[in-house]
N, C-alpha and C. Protein backbone atom coordinates (compact mmCIF):
# COMPACT_ATOMS: atom_id res chain seq x y z
N UNK A 1 69.73 -33.99 118.68
CA UNK A 1 68.44 -34.29 118.05
C UNK A 1 68.07 -35.75 118.23
N UNK A 2 69.01 -36.66 118.04
CA UNK A 2 68.67 -38.08 118.04
C UNK A 2 68.58 -38.64 119.45
N UNK A 3 67.36 -38.68 119.97
CA UNK A 3 67.14 -39.30 121.27
C UNK A 3 66.84 -40.78 121.10
N UNK A 4 66.41 -41.17 119.91
CA UNK A 4 66.15 -42.57 119.57
C UNK A 4 67.42 -43.06 118.87
N UNK A 5 68.30 -43.70 119.60
CA UNK A 5 69.63 -44.06 119.10
C UNK A 5 69.62 -45.01 117.91
N UNK A 6 68.51 -45.70 117.67
CA UNK A 6 68.45 -46.63 116.55
C UNK A 6 67.90 -45.97 115.30
N UNK A 7 67.57 -44.72 115.35
CA UNK A 7 67.00 -44.02 114.21
C UNK A 7 68.11 -43.25 113.48
N UNK A 8 68.39 -43.60 112.21
CA UNK A 8 69.44 -42.91 111.46
C UNK A 8 69.00 -41.57 110.89
N UNK A 9 67.69 -41.41 110.68
CA UNK A 9 67.17 -40.18 110.09
C UNK A 9 65.93 -39.73 110.85
N UNK A 10 65.58 -38.46 110.67
CA UNK A 10 64.36 -37.93 111.27
C UNK A 10 63.62 -37.07 110.24
N UNK A 11 62.29 -37.01 110.33
CA UNK A 11 61.51 -36.21 109.39
C UNK A 11 61.52 -34.74 109.77
N UNK A 12 61.49 -33.90 108.74
CA UNK A 12 61.42 -32.45 108.92
C UNK A 12 60.37 -31.92 107.95
N UNK A 13 59.48 -31.07 108.45
CA UNK A 13 58.43 -30.51 107.60
C UNK A 13 58.92 -29.24 106.89
N UNK A 14 58.56 -29.12 105.62
CA UNK A 14 58.77 -27.89 104.85
C UNK A 14 57.39 -27.24 104.76
N UNK A 15 57.10 -26.37 105.70
CA UNK A 15 55.75 -25.84 105.90
C UNK A 15 55.17 -25.16 104.66
N UNK A 16 55.99 -24.43 103.92
CA UNK A 16 55.43 -23.70 102.77
C UNK A 16 55.05 -24.63 101.61
N UNK A 17 55.42 -25.91 101.69
CA UNK A 17 54.99 -26.88 100.68
C UNK A 17 53.75 -27.66 101.10
N UNK A 18 53.43 -27.63 102.39
CA UNK A 18 52.34 -28.45 102.95
C UNK A 18 50.99 -28.03 102.38
N UNK A 19 50.21 -29.03 101.95
CA UNK A 19 48.87 -28.76 101.42
C UNK A 19 47.79 -29.16 102.43
N UNK A 20 48.19 -29.45 103.65
CA UNK A 20 47.28 -29.72 104.77
C UNK A 20 46.36 -30.92 104.50
N UNK A 21 46.91 -31.99 103.93
CA UNK A 21 46.11 -33.16 103.57
C UNK A 21 46.03 -34.21 104.67
N UNK A 22 46.94 -34.14 105.64
CA UNK A 22 47.01 -35.08 106.76
C UNK A 22 47.46 -36.50 106.38
N UNK A 23 47.94 -36.70 105.16
CA UNK A 23 48.42 -38.02 104.76
C UNK A 23 49.58 -38.50 105.65
N UNK A 24 50.41 -37.58 106.09
CA UNK A 24 51.54 -37.96 106.95
C UNK A 24 51.04 -38.52 108.27
N UNK A 25 50.04 -37.88 108.85
CA UNK A 25 49.48 -38.32 110.13
C UNK A 25 48.83 -39.69 109.98
N UNK A 26 48.06 -39.84 108.92
CA UNK A 26 47.33 -41.09 108.69
C UNK A 26 48.25 -42.27 108.39
N UNK A 27 49.44 -42.02 107.85
CA UNK A 27 50.36 -43.09 107.47
C UNK A 27 51.46 -43.37 108.47
N UNK A 28 51.49 -42.64 109.56
CA UNK A 28 52.53 -42.85 110.58
C UNK A 28 52.17 -44.03 111.47
N UNK A 29 52.94 -45.11 111.37
CA UNK A 29 52.70 -46.31 112.18
C UNK A 29 52.97 -46.08 113.66
N UNK A 30 53.78 -45.10 113.98
CA UNK A 30 54.17 -44.84 115.37
C UNK A 30 53.29 -43.81 116.06
N UNK A 31 52.39 -43.19 115.30
CA UNK A 31 51.53 -42.12 115.84
C UNK A 31 52.35 -41.02 116.51
N UNK A 32 53.40 -40.60 115.83
CA UNK A 32 54.27 -39.59 116.42
C UNK A 32 54.11 -38.21 115.77
N UNK A 33 53.09 -38.05 114.93
CA UNK A 33 52.85 -36.76 114.28
C UNK A 33 51.54 -36.19 114.78
N UNK A 34 51.58 -34.94 115.21
CA UNK A 34 50.37 -34.26 115.67
C UNK A 34 50.23 -32.93 114.96
N UNK A 35 49.00 -32.53 114.74
CA UNK A 35 48.68 -31.25 114.12
C UNK A 35 48.75 -30.15 115.18
N UNK A 36 49.33 -29.02 114.83
CA UNK A 36 49.40 -27.88 115.74
C UNK A 36 48.12 -27.07 115.55
N UNK A 37 47.36 -26.93 116.62
CA UNK A 37 46.10 -26.20 116.56
C UNK A 37 46.31 -24.75 116.13
N UNK A 38 45.44 -24.31 115.25
CA UNK A 38 45.45 -22.91 114.84
C UNK A 38 46.48 -22.53 113.79
N UNK A 39 47.30 -23.48 113.36
CA UNK A 39 48.31 -23.18 112.35
C UNK A 39 48.09 -24.09 111.16
N UNK A 40 47.60 -23.54 110.08
CA UNK A 40 47.27 -24.29 108.88
C UNK A 40 48.45 -25.12 108.38
N UNK A 41 48.27 -26.44 108.40
CA UNK A 41 49.28 -27.33 107.87
C UNK A 41 50.42 -27.67 108.81
N UNK A 42 50.59 -26.93 109.89
CA UNK A 42 51.73 -27.15 110.79
C UNK A 42 51.55 -28.42 111.60
N UNK A 43 52.59 -29.25 111.57
CA UNK A 43 52.61 -30.48 112.35
C UNK A 43 53.85 -30.50 113.24
N UNK A 44 53.84 -31.37 114.22
CA UNK A 44 55.01 -31.58 115.06
C UNK A 44 55.28 -33.08 115.14
N UNK A 45 56.55 -33.43 115.19
CA UNK A 45 56.98 -34.81 115.31
C UNK A 45 57.42 -35.07 116.75
N UNK A 46 57.00 -36.18 117.31
CA UNK A 46 57.48 -36.59 118.62
C UNK A 46 58.70 -37.47 118.38
N UNK A 47 59.87 -36.85 118.46
CA UNK A 47 61.10 -37.56 118.15
C UNK A 47 61.47 -38.61 119.21
N UNK A 48 60.78 -38.59 120.34
CA UNK A 48 61.01 -39.61 121.37
C UNK A 48 60.53 -40.98 120.88
N UNK A 49 59.47 -40.99 120.04
CA UNK A 49 58.93 -42.27 119.57
C UNK A 49 59.12 -42.50 118.07
N UNK A 50 59.53 -41.48 117.33
CA UNK A 50 59.77 -41.61 115.90
C UNK A 50 60.92 -42.59 115.66
N UNK A 51 60.71 -43.53 114.74
CA UNK A 51 61.76 -44.51 114.43
C UNK A 51 62.49 -44.18 113.13
N UNK A 52 62.10 -43.08 112.48
CA UNK A 52 62.78 -42.67 111.25
C UNK A 52 62.47 -43.53 110.05
N UNK A 53 61.30 -44.14 110.02
CA UNK A 53 60.96 -45.07 108.94
C UNK A 53 60.73 -44.38 107.59
N UNK A 54 60.34 -43.11 107.62
CA UNK A 54 60.13 -42.36 106.38
C UNK A 54 58.76 -42.52 105.75
N UNK A 55 57.85 -43.24 106.41
CA UNK A 55 56.51 -43.42 105.84
C UNK A 55 55.79 -42.09 105.65
N UNK A 56 56.00 -41.16 106.56
CA UNK A 56 55.36 -39.85 106.45
C UNK A 56 55.85 -39.11 105.20
N UNK A 57 57.15 -39.17 104.95
CA UNK A 57 57.71 -38.51 103.78
C UNK A 57 57.24 -39.17 102.49
N UNK A 58 57.16 -40.49 102.50
CA UNK A 58 56.69 -41.22 101.32
C UNK A 58 55.22 -40.93 101.03
N UNK A 59 54.43 -40.74 102.07
CA UNK A 59 52.99 -40.51 101.91
C UNK A 59 52.66 -39.09 101.48
N UNK A 60 53.56 -38.16 101.65
CA UNK A 60 53.28 -36.76 101.38
C UNK A 60 53.26 -36.47 99.88
N UNK A 61 52.08 -36.12 99.33
CA UNK A 61 51.99 -35.85 97.90
C UNK A 61 52.66 -34.54 97.49
N UNK A 62 52.88 -33.66 98.44
CA UNK A 62 53.48 -32.35 98.15
C UNK A 62 54.98 -32.31 98.42
N UNK A 63 55.56 -33.44 98.85
CA UNK A 63 56.97 -33.51 99.21
C UNK A 63 57.33 -32.46 100.27
N UNK A 64 56.41 -32.31 101.23
CA UNK A 64 56.59 -31.32 102.30
C UNK A 64 57.28 -31.89 103.53
N UNK A 65 57.66 -33.17 103.47
CA UNK A 65 58.43 -33.78 104.55
C UNK A 65 59.66 -34.42 103.93
N UNK A 66 60.81 -34.09 104.49
CA UNK A 66 62.07 -34.67 104.04
C UNK A 66 62.73 -35.38 105.22
N UNK A 67 63.51 -36.37 104.91
CA UNK A 67 64.24 -37.09 105.94
C UNK A 67 65.66 -36.54 106.00
N UNK A 68 66.08 -36.17 107.20
CA UNK A 68 67.43 -35.64 107.40
C UNK A 68 68.22 -36.60 108.28
N UNK A 69 69.50 -36.67 108.02
CA UNK A 69 70.39 -37.53 108.76
C UNK A 69 70.52 -37.04 110.19
N UNK A 70 70.41 -37.95 111.17
CA UNK A 70 70.53 -37.58 112.57
C UNK A 70 71.95 -37.21 112.97
N UNK A 71 72.90 -37.57 112.17
CA UNK A 71 74.30 -37.28 112.49
C UNK A 71 74.66 -35.81 112.26
N UNK A 72 73.83 -35.11 111.49
CA UNK A 72 74.13 -33.71 111.16
C UNK A 72 73.73 -32.77 112.27
């Protein structure tokens, strides 16, 4: 999973909690989150550029993004 060797964690979406607010996309400094067309609330993370900062998880009012350890 960890292609970015300096990133200790990566974000994971919990789709059934997502309220489709786009706060995660708007708060991502790396622009590594994109909306999946045709799927309500579904997003994808570009782990090639994600630095694991956790801003997306912090911005999510529904707690629909969690940070997981890259070592697992």
